PDB file of N, CA and C in Angstrom:
ATOM      1  N   UNK A   1       6.593  11.814  -5.791  1.00  0.00           N
ATOM      2  CA  UNK A   1       5.663  11.166  -4.875  1.00  0.00           C
ATOM      3  C   UNK A   1       4.490  12.077  -4.558  1.00  0.00           C
ATOM      4  N   UNK A   2       4.666  13.390  -4.602  1.00  0.00           N
ATOM      5  CA  UNK A   2       3.553  14.288  -4.309  1.00  0.00           C
ATOM      6  C   UNK A   2       2.448  14.143  -5.353  1.00  0.00           C
ATOM      7  N   UNK A   3       2.814  13.828  -6.604  1.00  0.00           N
ATOM      8  CA  UNK A   3       1.800  13.594  -7.629  1.00  0.00           C
ATOM      9  C   UNK A   3       0.961  12.367  -7.266  1.00  0.00           C
ATOM     10  N   UNK A   4       1.613  11.317  -6.772  1.00  0.00           N
ATOM     11  CA  UNK A   4       0.871  10.131  -6.350  1.00  0.00           C
ATOM     12  C   UNK A   4      -0.051  10.447  -5.182  1.00  0.00           C
ATOM     13  N   UNK A   5       0.381  11.297  -4.263  1.00  0.00           N
ATOM     14  CA  UNK A   5      -0.484  11.668  -3.136  1.00  0.00           C
ATOM     15  C   UNK A   5      -1.761  12.335  -3.631  1.00  0.00           C
ATOM     16  N   UNK A   6      -1.647  13.170  -4.655  1.00  0.00           N
ATOM     17  CA  UNK A   6      -2.840  13.840  -5.171  1.00  0.00           C
ATOM     18  C   UNK A   6      -3.699  12.877  -5.984  1.00  0.00           C
ATOM     19  N   UNK A   7      -3.087  11.893  -6.629  1.00  0.00           N
ATOM     20  CA  UNK A   7      -3.840  10.915  -7.405  1.00  0.00           C
ATOM     21  C   UNK A   7      -4.430   9.821  -6.528  1.00  0.00           C
ATOM     22  N   UNK A   8      -3.840   9.605  -5.361  1.00  0.00           N
ATOM     23  CA  UNK A   8      -4.251   8.527  -4.463  1.00  0.00           C
ATOM     24  C   UNK A   8      -4.470   9.087  -3.050  1.00  0.00           C
ATOM     25  N   UNK A   9      -5.439   9.971  -2.853  1.00  0.00           N
ATOM     26  CA  UNK A   9      -5.598  10.625  -1.552  1.00  0.00           C
ATOM     27  C   UNK A   9      -5.996   9.682  -0.422  1.00  0.00           C
ATOM     28  N   UNK A  10      -6.789   8.682  -0.715  1.00  0.00           N
ATOM     29  CA  UNK A  10      -7.173   7.737   0.343  1.00  0.00           C
ATOM     30  C   UNK A  10      -5.973   6.908   0.765  1.00  0.00           C
ATOM     31  N   UNK A  11      -5.184   6.473  -0.198  1.00  0.00           N
ATOM     32  CA  UNK A  11      -3.960   5.734   0.116  1.00  0.00           C
ATOM     33  C   UNK A  11      -3.029   6.612   0.951  1.00  0.00           C
ATOM     34  N   UNK A  12      -2.897   7.874   0.574  1.00  0.00           N
ATOM     35  CA  UNK A  12      -2.034   8.788   1.330  1.00  0.00           C
ATOM     36  C   UNK A  12      -2.495   8.908   2.782  1.00  0.00           C
ATOM     37  N   UNK A  13      -3.801   8.952   2.986  1.00  0.00           N
ATOM     38  CA  UNK A  13      -4.339   9.032   4.348  1.00  0.00           C
ATOM     39  C   UNK A  13      -4.032   7.763   5.133  1.00  0.00           C
ATOM     40  N   UNK A  14      -4.209   6.622   4.496  1.00  0.00           N
ATOM     41  CA  UNK A  14      -3.926   5.346   5.166  1.00  0.00           C
ATOM     42  C   UNK A  14      -2.439   5.250   5.505  1.00  0.00           C
ATOM     43  N   UNK A  15      -1.583   5.659   4.582  1.00  0.00           N
ATOM     44  CA  UNK A  15      -0.135   5.633   4.842  1.00  0.00           C
ATOM     45  C   UNK A  15       0.201   6.541   6.024  1.00  0.00           C
ATOM     46  N   UNK A  16      -0.400   7.708   6.078  1.00  0.00           N
ATOM     47  CA  UNK A  16      -0.153   8.622   7.196  1.00  0.00           C
ATOM     48  C   UNK A  16      -0.599   8.008   8.528  1.00  0.00           C
ATOM     49  N   UNK A  17      -1.732   7.334   8.511  1.00  0.00           N
ATOM     50  CA  UNK A  17      -2.205   6.650   9.732  1.00  0.00           C
ATOM     51  C   UNK A  17      -1.225   5.565  10.160  1.00  0.00           C
ATOM     52  N   UNK A  18      -0.679   4.830   9.190  1.00  0.00           N
ATOM     53  CA  UNK A  18       0.306   3.790   9.517  1.00  0.00           C
ATOM     54  C   UNK A  18       1.593   4.417  10.040  1.00  0.00           C
ATOM     55  N   UNK A  19       1.970   5.587   9.505  1.00  0.00           N
ATOM     56  CA  UNK A  19       3.149   6.282  10.026  1.00  0.00           C
ATOM     57  C   UNK A  19       2.966   6.607  11.504  1.00  0.00           C
ATOM     58  N   UNK A  20       1.776   7.077  11.861  1.00  0.00           N
ATOM     59  CA  UNK A  20       1.501   7.422  13.257  1.00  0.00           C
ATOM     60  C   UNK A  20       1.509   6.181  14.141  1.00  0.00           C
ATOM     61  N   UNK A  21       0.990   5.078  13.631  1.00  0.00           N
ATOM     62  CA  UNK A  21       0.909   3.849  14.425  1.00  0.00           C
ATOM     63  C   UNK A  21       2.233   3.094  14.472  1.00  0.00           C
ATOM     64  N   UNK A  22       2.953   3.055  13.363  1.00  0.00           N
ATOM     65  CA  UNK A  22       4.128   2.197  13.251  1.00  0.00           C
ATOM     66  C   UNK A  22       5.444   2.946  13.171  1.00  0.00           C
ATOM     67  N   UNK A  23       5.397   4.250  12.974  1.00  0.00           N
ATOM     68  CA  UNK A  23       6.626   5.040  12.881  1.00  0.00           C
ATOM     69  C   UNK A  23       7.060   5.271  11.442  1.00  0.00           C
ATOM     70  N   UNK A  24       7.638   6.442  11.223  1.00  0.00           N
ATOM     71  CA  UNK A  24       8.082   6.838   9.883  1.00  0.00           C
ATOM     72  C   UNK A  24       9.113   5.882   9.299  1.00  0.00           C
ATOM     73  N   UNK A  25      10.085   5.481  10.115  1.00  0.00           N
ATOM     74  CA  UNK A  25      11.184   4.661   9.601  1.00  0.00           C
ATOM     75  C   UNK A  25      10.666   3.350   9.013  1.00  0.00           C
ATOM     76  N   UNK A  26       9.774   2.679   9.734  1.00  0.00           N
ATOM     77  CA  UNK A  26       9.240   1.398   9.246  1.00  0.00           C
ATOM     78  C   UNK A  26       8.442   1.599   7.966  1.00  0.00           C
ATOM     79  N   UNK A  27       7.541   2.578   7.964  1.00  0.00           N
ATOM     80  CA  UNK A  27       6.685   2.817   6.798  1.00  0.00           C
ATOM     81  C   UNK A  27       7.535   3.230   5.597  1.00  0.00           C
ATOM     82  N   UNK A  28       8.492   4.116   5.784  1.00  0.00           N
ATOM     83  CA  UNK A  28       9.364   4.525   4.683  1.00  0.00           C
ATOM     84  C   UNK A  28      10.124   3.342   4.101  1.00  0.00           C
ATOM     85  N   UNK A  29      10.623   2.474   4.973  1.00  0.00           N
ATOM     86  CA  UNK A  29      11.350   1.281   4.526  1.00  0.00           C
ATOM     87  C   UNK A  29      10.431   0.372   3.713  1.00  0.00           C
ATOM     88  N   UNK A  30       9.203   0.149   4.193  1.00  0.00           N
ATOM     89  CA  UNK A  30       8.251  -0.701   3.467  1.00  0.00           C
ATOM     90  C   UNK A  30       7.948  -0.135   2.084  1.00  0.00           C
ATOM     91  N   UNK A  31       7.683   1.162   2.019  1.00  0.00           N
ATOM     92  CA  UNK A  31       7.358   1.792   0.742  1.00  0.00           C
ATOM     93  C   UNK A  31       8.546   1.688  -0.212  1.00  0.00           C
ATOM     94  N   UNK A  32       9.733   2.020   0.269  1.00  0.00           N
ATOM     95  CA  UNK A  32      10.930   1.977  -0.570  1.00  0.00           C
ATOM     96  C   UNK A  32      11.165   0.569  -1.115  1.00  0.00           C
ATOM     97  N   UNK A  33      11.045  -0.424  -0.252  1.00  0.00           N
ATOM     98  CA  UNK A  33      11.277  -1.805  -0.687  1.00  0.00           C
ATOM     99  C   UNK A  33      10.190  -2.266  -1.660  1.00  0.00           C
ATOM    100  N   UNK A  34       8.939  -1.897  -1.385  1.00  0.00           N
ATOM    101  CA  UNK A  34       7.851  -2.266  -2.289  1.00  0.00           C
ATOM    102  C   UNK A  34       7.990  -1.625  -3.653  1.00  0.00           C
ATOM    103  N   UNK A  35       8.421  -0.372  -3.686  1.00  0.00           N
ATOM    104  CA  UNK A  35       8.613   0.321  -4.963  1.00  0.00           C
ATOM    105  C   UNK A  35       9.791  -0.253  -5.751  1.00  0.00           C
ATOM    106  N   UNK A  36      10.745  -0.870  -5.038  1.00  0.00           N
ATOM    107  CA  UNK A  36      11.894  -1.486  -5.712  1.00  0.00           C
ATOM    108  C   UNK A  36      11.618  -2.920  -6.152  1.00  0.00           C
ATOM    109  N   UNK A  37      10.397  -3.412  -5.910  1.00  0.00           N
ATOM    110  CA  UNK A  37      10.042  -4.741  -6.393  1.00  0.00           C
ATOM    111  C   UNK A  37      10.039  -5.848  -5.365  1.00  0.00           C
ATOM    112  N   UNK A  38      10.267  -5.531  -4.105  1.00  0.00           N
ATOM    113  CA  UNK A  38      10.261  -6.569  -3.078  1.00  0.00           C
ATOM    114  C   UNK A  38       8.827  -6.858  -2.653  1.00  0.00           C
ATOM    115  N   UNK A  39       8.379  -8.110  -2.790  1.00  0.00           N
ATOM    116  CA  UNK A  39       7.008  -8.439  -2.390  1.00  0.00           C
ATOM    117  C   UNK A  39       6.829  -8.394  -0.877  1.00  0.00           C
ATOM    118  N   UNK A  40       5.578  -8.312  -0.458  1.00  0.00           N
ATOM    119  CA  UNK A  40       5.203  -8.386   0.961  1.00  0.00           C
ATOM    120  C   UNK A  40       5.667  -7.191   1.781  1.00  0.00           C
ATOM    121  N   UNK A  41       5.887  -6.054   1.134  1.00  0.00           N
ATOM    122  CA  UNK A  41       6.311  -4.861   1.853  1.00  0.00           C
ATOM    123  C   UNK A  41       5.296  -3.730   1.711  1.00  0.00           C
ATOM    124  N   UNK A  42       4.958  -3.342   0.457  1.00  0.00           N
ATOM    125  CA  UNK A  42       4.013  -2.255   0.229  1.00  0.00           C
ATOM    126  C   UNK A  42       3.371  -2.429  -1.137  1.00  0.00           C
ATOM    127  N   UNK A  43       2.036  -2.308  -1.153  1.00  0.00           N
ATOM    128  CA  UNK A  43       1.266  -2.438  -2.391  1.00  0.00           C
ATOM    129  C   UNK A  43       0.005  -1.617  -2.201  1.00  0.00           C
ATOM    130  N   UNK A  44      -0.293  -0.732  -3.148  1.00  0.00           N
ATOM    131  CA  UNK A  44      -1.466   0.122  -3.008  1.00  0.00           C
ATOM    132  C   UNK A  44      -2.150   0.323  -4.361  1.00  0.00           C
ATOM    133  N   UNK A  45      -3.474   0.416  -4.309  1.00  0.00           N
ATOM    134  CA  UNK A  45      -4.301   0.635  -5.493  1.00  0.00           C
ATOM    135  C   UNK A  45      -5.316   1.704  -5.158  1.00  0.00           C
ATOM    136  N   UNK A  46      -5.492   2.662  -6.065  1.00  0.00           N
ATOM    137  CA  UNK A  46      -6.576   3.635  -5.931  1.00  0.00           C
ATOM    138  C   UNK A  46      -6.825   4.300  -7.275  1.00  0.00           C
ATOM    139  N   UNK A  47      -8.081   4.349  -7.656  1.00  0.00           N
ATOM    140  CA  UNK A  47      -8.524   5.072  -8.855  1.00  0.00           C
ATOM    141  C   UNK A  47      -7.701   4.735 -10.095  1.00  0.00           C
ATOM    142  N   UNK A  48      -7.411   3.451 -10.273  1.00  0.00           N
ATOM    143  CA  UNK A  48      -6.668   3.020 -11.450  1.00  0.00           C
ATOM    144  C   UNK A  48      -5.163   3.125 -11.337  1.00  0.00           C
ATOM    145  N   UNK A  49      -4.652   3.647 -10.235  1.00  0.00           N
ATOM    146  CA  UNK A  49      -3.208   3.764 -10.016  1.00  0.00           C
ATOM    147  C   UNK A  49      -2.771   2.610  -9.118  1.00  0.00           C
ATOM    148  N   UNK A  50      -1.655   1.996  -9.470  1.00  0.00           N
ATOM    149  CA  UNK A  50      -1.114   0.885  -8.695  1.00  0.00           C
ATOM    150  C   UNK A  50       0.357   1.174  -8.432  1.00  0.00           C
ATOM    151  N   UNK A  51       0.771   1.084  -7.169  1.00  0.00           N
ATOM    152  CA  UNK A  51       2.178   1.281  -6.809  1.00  0.00           C
ATOM    153  C   UNK A  51       2.621   0.168  -5.874  1.00  0.00           C
ATOM    154  N   UNK A  52       3.898  -0.135  -5.918  1.00  0.00           N
ATOM    155  CA  UNK A  52       4.449  -1.162  -5.045  1.00  0.00           C
ATOM    156  C   UNK A  52       4.473  -2.509  -5.730  1.00  0.00           C
ATOM    157  N   UNK A  53       4.643  -3.545  -4.922  1.00  0.00           N
ATOM    158  CA  UNK A  53       4.752  -4.912  -5.402  1.00  0.00           C
ATOM    159  C   UNK A  53       3.731  -5.760  -4.640  1.00  0.00           C
ATOM    160  N   UNK A  54       2.963  -6.598  -5.362  1.00  0.00           N
ATOM    161  CA  UNK A  54       1.943  -7.398  -4.679  1.00  0.00           C
ATOM    162  C   UNK A  54       2.516  -8.280  -3.574  1.00  0.00           C
ATOM    163  N   UNK A  55       1.657  -8.589  -2.635  1.00  0.00           N
ATOM    164  CA  UNK A  55       1.980  -9.541  -1.583  1.00  0.00           C
ATOM    165  C   UNK A  55       1.777 -10.945  -2.134  1.00  0.00           C
ATOM    166  N   UNK A  56       2.339 -11.952  -1.458  1.00  0.00           N
ATOM    167  CA  UNK A  56       2.071 -13.328  -1.843  1.00  0.00           C
ATOM    168  C   UNK A  56       0.563 -13.525  -1.837  1.00  0.00           C
ATOM    169  N   UNK A  57       0.074 -14.222  -2.818  1.00  0.00           N
ATOM    170  CA  UNK A  57      -1.372 -14.389  -2.967  1.00  0.00           C
ATOM    171  C   UNK A  57      -1.951 -15.209  -1.811  1.00  0.00           C
ATOM    172  N   UNK A  58      -2.890 -14.607  -1.128  1.00  0.00           N
ATOM    173  CA  UNK A  58      -3.737 -15.315  -0.183  1.00  0.00           C
ATOM    174  C   UNK A  58      -5.156 -14.972  -0.588  1.00  0.00           C
ATOM    175  N   UNK A  59      -6.088 -15.813  -0.293  1.00  0.00           N
ATOM    176  CA  UNK A  59      -7.455 -15.591  -0.750  1.00  0.00           C
ATOM    177  C   UNK A  59      -7.986 -14.243  -0.294  1.00  0.00           C
ATOM    178  N   UNK A  60      -7.860 -13.909   0.981  1.00  0.00           N
ATOM    179  CA  UNK A  60      -8.418 -12.669   1.494  1.00  0.00           C
ATOM    180  C   UNK A  60      -7.743 -11.443   0.893  1.00  0.00           C
ATOM    181  N   UNK A  61      -6.437 -11.417   0.849  1.00  0.00           N
ATOM    182  CA  UNK A  61      -5.702 -10.268   0.334  1.00  0.00           C
ATOM    183  C   UNK A  61      -5.949 -10.096  -1.161  1.00  0.00           C
ATOM    184  N   UNK A  62      -5.903 -11.183  -1.898  1.00  0.00           N
ATOM    185  CA  UNK A  62      -6.123 -11.118  -3.340  1.00  0.00           C
ATOM    186  C   UNK A  62      -7.531 -10.611  -3.643  1.00  0.00           C
ATOM    187  N   UNK A  63      -8.503 -11.105  -2.924  1.00  0.00           N
ATOM    188  CA  UNK A  63      -9.886 -10.675  -3.143  1.00  0.00           C
ATOM    189  C   UNK A  63     -10.040  -9.182  -2.855  1.00  0.00           C
ATOM    190  N   UNK A  64      -9.465  -8.698  -1.783  1.00  0.00           N
ATOM    191  CA  UNK A  64      -9.583  -7.285  -1.423  1.00  0.00           C
ATOM    192  C   UNK A  64      -8.929  -6.391  -2.477  1.00  0.00           C
ATOM    193  N   UNK A  65      -7.764  -6.763  -2.947  1.00  0.00           N
ATOM    194  CA  UNK A  65      -7.080  -5.970  -3.970  1.00  0.00           C
ATOM    195  C   UNK A  65      -7.871  -5.970  -5.271  1.00  0.00           C
ATOM    196  N   UNK A  66      -8.383  -7.121  -5.659  1.00  0.00           N
ATOM    197  CA  UNK A  66      -9.164  -7.227  -6.896  1.00  0.00           C
ATOM    198  C   UNK A  66     -10.433  -6.392  -6.799  1.00  0.00           C
ATOM    199  N   UNK A  67     -11.114  -6.457  -5.670  1.00  0.00           N
ATOM    200  CA  UNK A  67     -12.334  -5.680  -5.478  1.00  0.00           C
ATOM    201  C   UNK A  67     -12.046  -4.186  -5.534  1.00  0.00           C
ATOM    202  N   UNK A  68     -10.981  -3.747  -4.899  1.00  0.00           N
ATOM    203  CA  UNK A  68     -10.620  -2.318  -4.930  1.00  0.00           C
ATOM    204  C   UNK A  68     -10.356  -1.864  -6.358  1.00  0.00           C
ATOM    205  N   UNK A  69      -9.667  -2.689  -7.126  1.00  0.00           N
ATOM    206  CA  UNK A  69      -9.372  -2.324  -8.517  1.00  0.00           C
ATOM    207  C   UNK A  69     -10.647  -2.260  -9.347  1.00  0.00           C
ATOM    208  N   UNK A  70     -11.565  -3.173  -9.116  1.00  0.00           N
ATOM    209  CA  UNK A  70     -12.805  -3.212  -9.898  1.00  0.00           C
ATOM    210  C   UNK A  70     -13.699  -2.018  -9.604  1.00  0.00           C
ATOM    211  N   UNK A  71     -13.863  -1.683  -8.328  1.00  0.00           N
ATOM    212  CA  UNK A  71     -14.811  -0.624  -7.962  1.00  0.00           C
ATOM    213  C   UNK A  71     -14.155   0.754  -7.873  1.00  0.00           C
ATOM    214  N   UNK A  72     -12.861   0.826  -8.111  1.00  0.00           N
ATOM    215  CA  UNK A  72     -12.182   2.115  -8.058  1.00  0.00           C
ATOM    216  C   UNK A  72     -11.926   2.601  -6.645  1.00  0.00           C
ATOM    217  N   UNK A  73     -11.952   1.687  -5.698  1.00  0.00           N
ATOM    218  CA  UNK A  73     -11.689   2.050  -4.309  1.00  0.00           C
ATOM    219  C   UNK A  73     -10.205   2.051  -4.019  1.00  0.00           C
ATOM    220  N   UNK A  74      -9.880   2.163  -2.766  1.00  0.00           N
ATOM    221  CA  UNK A  74      -8.478   2.186  -2.356  1.00  0.00           C
ATOM    222  C   UNK A  74      -8.141   0.906  -1.610  1.00  0.00           C
ATOM    223  N   UNK A  75      -6.916   0.455  -1.776  1.00  0.00           N
ATOM    224  CA  UNK A  75      -6.413  -0.744  -1.120  1.00  0.00           C
ATOM    225  C   UNK A  75      -4.960  -0.496  -0.776  1.00  0.00           C
ATOM    226  N   UNK A  76      -4.588  -0.799   0.461  1.00  0.00           N
ATOM    227  CA  UNK A  76      -3.194  -0.666   0.877  1.00  0.00           C
ATOM    228  C   UNK A  76      -2.805  -1.910   1.660  1.00  0.00           C
ATOM    229  N   UNK A  77      -1.683  -2.502   1.295  1.00  0.00           N
ATOM    230  CA  UNK A  77      -1.117  -3.591   2.063  1.00  0.00           C
ATOM    231  C   UNK A  77       0.310  -3.185   2.423  1.00  0.00           C
ATOM    232  N   UNK A  78       0.665  -3.352   3.684  1.00  0.00           N
ATOM    233  CA  UNK A  78       1.992  -2.990   4.140  1.00  0.00           C
ATOM    234  C   UNK A  78       2.425  -3.987   5.214  1.00  0.00           C
ATOM    235  N   UNK A  79       3.679  -4.352   5.190  1.00  0.00           N
ATOM    236  CA  UNK A  79       4.200  -5.287   6.185  1.00  0.00           C
ATOM    237  C   UNK A  79       4.072  -4.674   7.579  1.00  0.00           C
ATOM    238  N   UNK A  80       3.491  -5.430   8.485  1.00  0.00           N
ATOM    239  CA  UNK A  80       3.402  -4.964   9.866  1.00  0.00           C
ATOM    240  C   UNK A  80       4.768  -5.047  10.528  1.00  0.00           C
ATOM    241  N   UNK A  81       5.051  -4.147  11.453  1.00  0.00           N
ATOM    242  CA  UNK A  81       6.332  -4.219  12.142  1.00  0.00           C
ATOM    243  C   UNK A  81       6.397  -5.450  13.036  1.00  0.00           C
ATOM    244  N   UNK A  82       7.588  -5.954  13.216  1.00  0.00           N
ATOM    245  CA  UNK A  82       7.781  -7.067  14.140  1.00  0.00           C
ATOM    246  C   UNK A  82       8.341  -6.510  15.431  1.00  0.00           C
ATOM    247  N   UNK A  83       8.132  -7.235  16.482  1.00  0.00           N
ATOM    248  CA  UNK A  83       8.561  -6.770  17.809  1.00  0.00           C
ATOM    249  C   UNK A  83      10.005  -6.591  17.894  1.00  0.00           C
TER     250      UNK A  83
END
């Protein structure tokens, strides 16, 4: 995973911000589930690298992910915690 952090530094920063806002346990669970193929948990794109599993297609989310892939930007989608 440290190799991915160096290849995807913006994604790593966003994940760290989500850890601070939502807690390590929730973020770790989302990443683990997304990496195992579960949709709607964690999906990230940066500089040609893609990790996780896509979310169900919605116009806004799909457009943002596609744009990030085209321009080489970063995109992170992660399930928000529930109360």
